[in-house]
Amino acid sequence: MTGNRKISKQEPDASIEKDWTQNKSLSGIDPAKLQFLNSIAAQGSQKGMQELLPFLMSAVAQNQNQSGRMHFTQQEMDAIIQVLKIGKSPEETAKIERMLQLIKMLR
């Protein structure tokens, strides 16, 4: 039996990414906010890093221009970001961190 066993690299659970809005850490966030973010995530998932920042900036600007715009507290944003990092590789986590730094610089 020894030598025949394959050691597989742990892969992220696809259901975590698919149902990230159902994470218990996000239970206190308005479902409309999570739906809004899920919509942006779906649209942005097909974009490369070069396209992603302009896309996100456009989405934020559109939200700010709407009369019923959504406001996220820092606590809500921190919880969402932590959930989005679950199951990500170190490279993907680093990309998320770089994107957050860029957004903070633009504020």
N, C-alpha and C. Protein backbone atom coordinates (compact mmCIF):
# COMPACT_ATOMS: atom_id res chain seq x y z
N MET A 1 0.80 -1.20 0.00
CA MET A 1 0.00 0.00 0.00
C MET A 1 0.84 1.26 0.00
N THR A 2 1.98 1.21 0.62
CA THR A 2 2.81 2.40 0.63
C THR A 2 3.37 2.62 -0.76
N GLY A 3 3.51 3.86 -1.13
CA GLY A 3 4.03 4.20 -2.44
C GLY A 3 2.93 4.35 -3.48
N ASN A 4 1.78 3.76 -3.29
CA ASN A 4 0.69 3.87 -4.25
C ASN A 4 -0.26 5.01 -3.93
N ARG A 5 -0.15 5.52 -2.75
CA ARG A 5 -1.08 6.56 -2.30
C ARG A 5 -0.66 7.91 -2.85
N LYS A 6 -1.61 8.59 -3.48
CA LYS A 6 -1.34 9.92 -4.01
C LYS A 6 -1.65 10.95 -2.94
N ILE A 7 -0.77 11.86 -2.77
CA ILE A 7 -1.02 12.97 -1.85
C ILE A 7 -1.49 14.12 -2.71
N SER A 8 -2.75 14.48 -2.54
CA SER A 8 -3.29 15.54 -3.37
C SER A 8 -3.16 16.88 -2.68
N LYS A 9 -2.94 17.86 -3.49
CA LYS A 9 -2.87 19.23 -3.00
C LYS A 9 -4.30 19.67 -2.69
N GLN A 10 -4.48 20.25 -1.54
CA GLN A 10 -5.83 20.67 -1.16
C GLN A 10 -6.29 21.79 -2.08
N GLU A 11 -7.43 21.58 -2.72
CA GLU A 11 -7.97 22.58 -3.62
C GLU A 11 -9.09 23.32 -2.91
N PRO A 12 -9.26 24.59 -3.26
CA PRO A 12 -10.33 25.35 -2.64
C PRO A 12 -11.68 24.70 -2.93
N ASP A 13 -12.53 24.72 -1.97
CA ASP A 13 -13.88 24.18 -2.12
C ASP A 13 -14.68 25.14 -3.00
N ALA A 14 -15.12 24.66 -4.16
CA ALA A 14 -15.86 25.51 -5.09
C ALA A 14 -17.13 26.05 -4.46
N SER A 15 -17.74 25.29 -3.55
CA SER A 15 -18.97 25.77 -2.92
C SER A 15 -18.72 26.97 -2.03
N ILE A 16 -17.50 27.09 -1.50
CA ILE A 16 -17.18 28.27 -0.69
C ILE A 16 -17.23 29.50 -1.57
N GLU A 17 -16.61 29.42 -2.75
CA GLU A 17 -16.62 30.57 -3.65
C GLU A 17 -18.03 30.85 -4.16
N LYS A 18 -18.76 29.80 -4.49
CA LYS A 18 -20.10 29.96 -5.05
C LYS A 18 -21.06 30.56 -4.03
N ASP A 19 -20.99 30.12 -2.80
CA ASP A 19 -21.93 30.54 -1.77
C ASP A 19 -21.27 31.41 -0.70
N TRP A 20 -20.34 32.23 -1.09
CA TRP A 20 -19.62 33.03 -0.09
C TRP A 20 -20.56 33.94 0.67
N THR A 21 -21.67 34.32 0.07
CA THR A 21 -22.61 35.22 0.75
C THR A 21 -23.33 34.53 1.90
N GLN A 22 -23.26 33.19 1.96
CA GLN A 22 -23.92 32.44 3.01
C GLN A 22 -23.03 32.21 4.23
N ASN A 23 -21.79 32.70 4.18
CA ASN A 23 -20.86 32.51 5.29
C ASN A 23 -21.43 33.16 6.55
N LYS A 24 -21.32 32.44 7.67
CA LYS A 24 -21.88 32.93 8.94
C LYS A 24 -21.28 34.27 9.37
N SER A 25 -20.05 34.56 8.96
CA SER A 25 -19.41 35.82 9.32
C SER A 25 -20.13 37.02 8.72
N LEU A 26 -20.93 36.76 7.68
CA LEU A 26 -21.62 37.85 6.98
C LEU A 26 -23.10 37.94 7.35
N SER A 27 -23.52 37.19 8.34
CA SER A 27 -24.94 37.11 8.68
C SER A 27 -25.55 38.44 9.09
N GLY A 28 -24.75 39.37 9.59
CA GLY A 28 -25.29 40.66 10.02
C GLY A 28 -25.34 41.71 8.92
N ILE A 29 -24.92 41.35 7.72
CA ILE A 29 -24.90 42.30 6.61
C ILE A 29 -26.19 42.18 5.81
N ASP A 30 -26.74 43.32 5.45
CA ASP A 30 -27.98 43.39 4.67
C ASP A 30 -27.84 42.51 3.42
N PRO A 31 -28.79 41.60 3.18
CA PRO A 31 -28.73 40.73 2.00
C PRO A 31 -28.67 41.52 0.68
N ALA A 32 -29.27 42.70 0.63
CA ALA A 32 -29.21 43.52 -0.59
C ALA A 32 -27.77 43.94 -0.88
N LYS A 33 -27.00 44.23 0.17
CA LYS A 33 -25.59 44.58 -0.02
C LYS A 33 -24.81 43.39 -0.56
N LEU A 34 -25.08 42.21 -0.01
CA LEU A 34 -24.38 41.01 -0.46
C LEU A 34 -24.75 40.68 -1.90
N GLN A 35 -26.00 40.89 -2.27
CA GLN A 35 -26.43 40.65 -3.65
C GLN A 35 -25.73 41.63 -4.60
N PHE A 36 -25.61 42.87 -4.18
CA PHE A 36 -24.91 43.88 -4.97
C PHE A 36 -23.46 43.46 -5.20
N LEU A 37 -22.79 43.03 -4.13
CA LEU A 37 -21.39 42.59 -4.24
C LEU A 37 -21.27 41.33 -5.08
N ASN A 38 -22.21 40.41 -4.94
CA ASN A 38 -22.18 39.18 -5.72
C ASN A 38 -22.31 39.49 -7.21
N SER A 39 -23.14 40.45 -7.54
CA SER A 39 -23.32 40.87 -8.93
C SER A 39 -22.02 41.45 -9.49
N ILE A 40 -21.38 42.31 -8.71
CA ILE A 40 -20.10 42.90 -9.14
C ILE A 40 -19.04 41.81 -9.28
N ALA A 41 -19.02 40.89 -8.32
CA ALA A 41 -18.03 39.80 -8.36
C ALA A 41 -18.22 38.95 -9.62
N ALA A 42 -19.46 38.66 -9.96
CA ALA A 42 -19.72 37.85 -11.16
C ALA A 42 -19.26 38.56 -12.42
N GLN A 43 -19.51 39.86 -12.48
CA GLN A 43 -19.09 40.63 -13.65
C GLN A 43 -17.57 40.77 -13.70
N GLY A 44 -16.96 40.96 -12.56
CA GLY A 44 -15.52 41.17 -12.51
C GLY A 44 -14.69 39.91 -12.63
N SER A 45 -15.31 38.75 -12.43
CA SER A 45 -14.56 37.49 -12.43
C SER A 45 -13.95 37.17 -13.79
N GLN A 46 -14.47 37.75 -14.83
CA GLN A 46 -13.96 37.48 -16.18
C GLN A 46 -12.90 38.49 -16.61
N LYS A 47 -12.55 39.40 -15.73
CA LYS A 47 -11.60 40.46 -16.09
C LYS A 47 -10.22 40.14 -15.55
N GLY A 48 -9.21 40.56 -16.30
CA GLY A 48 -7.83 40.42 -15.86
C GLY A 48 -7.48 41.56 -14.91
N MET A 49 -6.30 41.49 -14.31
CA MET A 49 -5.89 42.51 -13.34
C MET A 49 -5.88 43.91 -13.95
N GLN A 50 -5.50 44.03 -15.23
CA GLN A 50 -5.45 45.34 -15.87
C GLN A 50 -6.85 45.95 -16.02
N GLU A 51 -7.83 45.10 -16.23
CA GLU A 51 -9.20 45.57 -16.42
C GLU A 51 -9.96 45.70 -15.11
N LEU A 52 -9.51 45.00 -14.08
CA LEU A 52 -10.26 44.92 -12.84
C LEU A 52 -10.35 46.25 -12.10
N LEU A 53 -9.27 46.97 -11.98
CA LEU A 53 -9.30 48.24 -11.25
C LEU A 53 -10.25 49.24 -11.90
N PRO A 54 -10.17 49.48 -13.21
CA PRO A 54 -11.14 50.40 -13.82
C PRO A 54 -12.58 49.92 -13.65
N PHE A 55 -12.78 48.61 -13.73
CA PHE A 55 -14.13 48.07 -13.54
C PHE A 55 -14.64 48.36 -12.14
N LEU A 56 -13.81 48.11 -11.13
CA LEU A 56 -14.22 48.36 -9.75
C LEU A 56 -14.46 49.84 -9.50
N MET A 57 -13.61 50.68 -10.04
CA MET A 57 -13.79 52.13 -9.88
C MET A 57 -15.11 52.58 -10.50
N SER A 58 -15.45 52.02 -11.65
CA SER A 58 -16.71 52.34 -12.31
C SER A 58 -17.89 51.88 -11.47
N ALA A 59 -17.80 50.68 -10.90
CA ALA A 59 -18.89 50.16 -10.07
C ALA A 59 -19.09 51.02 -8.84
N VAL A 60 -17.99 51.45 -8.22
CA VAL A 60 -18.08 52.31 -7.04
C VAL A 60 -18.70 53.65 -7.42
N ALA A 61 -18.27 54.22 -8.54
CA ALA A 61 -18.81 55.51 -8.99
C ALA A 61 -20.30 55.41 -9.28
N GLN A 62 -20.71 54.32 -9.92
CA GLN A 62 -22.14 54.14 -10.21
C GLN A 62 -22.95 54.04 -8.93
N ASN A 63 -22.41 53.33 -7.94
CA ASN A 63 -23.11 53.21 -6.65
C ASN A 63 -23.22 54.57 -5.98
N GLN A 64 -22.17 55.38 -6.04
CA GLN A 64 -22.18 56.69 -5.40
C GLN A 64 -23.15 57.65 -6.08
N ASN A 65 -23.38 57.46 -7.38
CA ASN A 65 -24.27 58.35 -8.12
C ASN A 65 -25.74 57.98 -7.99
N GLN A 66 -26.02 56.81 -7.46
CA GLN A 66 -27.41 56.38 -7.30
C GLN A 66 -27.99 57.00 -6.03
N SER A 67 -29.28 57.32 -6.09
CA SER A 67 -29.91 57.95 -4.93
C SER A 67 -29.98 57.00 -3.75
N GLY A 68 -30.17 55.72 -3.98
CA GLY A 68 -30.26 54.75 -2.89
C GLY A 68 -28.95 54.00 -2.71
N ARG A 69 -27.85 54.71 -2.81
CA ARG A 69 -26.54 54.05 -2.78
C ARG A 69 -26.32 53.28 -1.48
N MET A 70 -25.47 52.30 -1.57
CA MET A 70 -25.16 51.47 -0.42
C MET A 70 -23.87 51.95 0.23
N HIS A 71 -23.90 51.96 1.52
CA HIS A 71 -22.71 52.32 2.30
C HIS A 71 -22.31 51.10 3.11
N PHE A 72 -21.03 50.74 3.03
CA PHE A 72 -20.51 49.61 3.79
C PHE A 72 -19.63 50.15 4.91
N THR A 73 -19.87 49.65 6.10
CA THR A 73 -19.01 50.04 7.23
C THR A 73 -17.66 49.35 7.08
N GLN A 74 -16.68 49.85 7.81
CA GLN A 74 -15.36 49.21 7.78
C GLN A 74 -15.45 47.78 8.30
N GLN A 75 -16.27 47.56 9.30
CA GLN A 75 -16.45 46.22 9.86
C GLN A 75 -17.06 45.27 8.82
N GLU A 76 -18.04 45.75 8.06
CA GLU A 76 -18.64 44.93 7.00
C GLU A 76 -17.60 44.60 5.93
N MET A 77 -16.84 45.61 5.53
CA MET A 77 -15.82 45.39 4.49
C MET A 77 -14.76 44.40 4.96
N ASP A 78 -14.31 44.53 6.19
CA ASP A 78 -13.30 43.61 6.73
C ASP A 78 -13.83 42.17 6.72
N ALA A 79 -15.09 41.99 7.13
CA ALA A 79 -15.68 40.64 7.16
C ALA A 79 -15.78 40.07 5.75
N ILE A 80 -16.21 40.88 4.81
CA ILE A 80 -16.36 40.42 3.42
C ILE A 80 -15.01 40.03 2.84
N ILE A 81 -14.00 40.85 3.07
CA ILE A 81 -12.66 40.56 2.55
C ILE A 81 -12.11 39.28 3.14
N GLN A 82 -12.29 39.06 4.43
CA GLN A 82 -11.81 37.84 5.05
C GLN A 82 -12.49 36.60 4.46
N VAL A 83 -13.79 36.70 4.21
CA VAL A 83 -14.51 35.58 3.62
C VAL A 83 -14.03 35.33 2.19
N LEU A 84 -13.79 36.38 1.45
CA LEU A 84 -13.34 36.22 0.06
C LEU A 84 -11.94 35.59 -0.03
N LYS A 85 -11.16 35.72 1.02
CA LYS A 85 -9.81 35.14 1.02
C LYS A 85 -9.80 33.64 1.33
N ILE A 86 -10.90 33.11 1.83
CA ILE A 86 -10.97 31.70 2.21
C ILE A 86 -10.72 30.83 0.98
N GLY A 87 -9.78 29.90 1.11
CA GLY A 87 -9.50 28.96 0.04
C GLY A 87 -8.65 29.50 -1.09
N LYS A 88 -8.21 30.73 -0.98
CA LYS A 88 -7.38 31.33 -2.03
C LYS A 88 -5.92 30.96 -1.81
N SER A 89 -5.20 30.91 -2.91
CA SER A 89 -3.77 30.64 -2.85
C SER A 89 -3.07 31.89 -2.31
N PRO A 90 -1.82 31.75 -1.86
CA PRO A 90 -1.09 32.93 -1.40
C PRO A 90 -0.97 34.00 -2.49
N GLU A 91 -0.87 33.56 -3.74
CA GLU A 91 -0.79 34.53 -4.84
C GLU A 91 -2.09 35.30 -5.00
N GLU A 92 -3.21 34.59 -4.92
CA GLU A 92 -4.51 35.25 -5.03
C GLU A 92 -4.76 36.19 -3.86
N THR A 93 -4.35 35.77 -2.67
CA THR A 93 -4.49 36.62 -1.49
C THR A 93 -3.65 37.88 -1.65
N ALA A 94 -2.46 37.73 -2.20
CA ALA A 94 -1.58 38.89 -2.43
C ALA A 94 -2.23 39.85 -3.43
N LYS A 95 -2.88 39.32 -4.45
CA LYS A 95 -3.56 40.16 -5.44
C LYS A 95 -4.68 40.96 -4.77
N ILE A 96 -5.42 40.29 -3.90
CA ILE A 96 -6.50 40.96 -3.19
C ILE A 96 -5.93 42.10 -2.34
N GLU A 97 -4.84 41.82 -1.63
CA GLU A 97 -4.21 42.85 -0.79
C GLU A 97 -3.71 44.03 -1.63
N ARG A 98 -3.11 43.73 -2.79
CA ARG A 98 -2.64 44.83 -3.67
C ARG A 98 -3.81 45.67 -4.15
N MET A 99 -4.90 45.01 -4.51
CA MET A 99 -6.08 45.73 -4.98
C MET A 99 -6.63 46.63 -3.87
N LEU A 100 -6.66 46.13 -2.65
CA LEU A 100 -7.14 46.93 -1.52
C LEU A 100 -6.24 48.14 -1.29
N GLN A 101 -4.94 47.96 -1.40
CA GLN A 101 -4.02 49.08 -1.23
C GLN A 101 -4.24 50.14 -2.29
N LEU A 102 -4.47 49.71 -3.53
CA LEU A 102 -4.74 50.65 -4.62
C LEU A 102 -6.02 51.45 -4.35
N ILE A 103 -7.03 50.76 -3.90
CA ILE A 103 -8.29 51.42 -3.61
C ILE A 103 -8.12 52.43 -2.48
N LYS A 104 -7.37 52.07 -1.44
CA LYS A 104 -7.13 53.00 -0.33
C LYS A 104 -6.37 54.22 -0.79
N MET A 105 -5.44 54.05 -1.71
CA MET A 105 -4.66 55.17 -2.23
C MET A 105 -5.54 56.13 -3.01
N LEU A 106 -6.56 55.62 -3.67
CA LEU A 106 -7.42 56.43 -4.51
C LEU A 106 -8.49 57.18 -3.73
N ARG A 107 -8.66 56.86 -2.47
CA ARG A 107 -9.70 57.53 -1.66
C ARG A 107 -9.27 58.89 -1.25
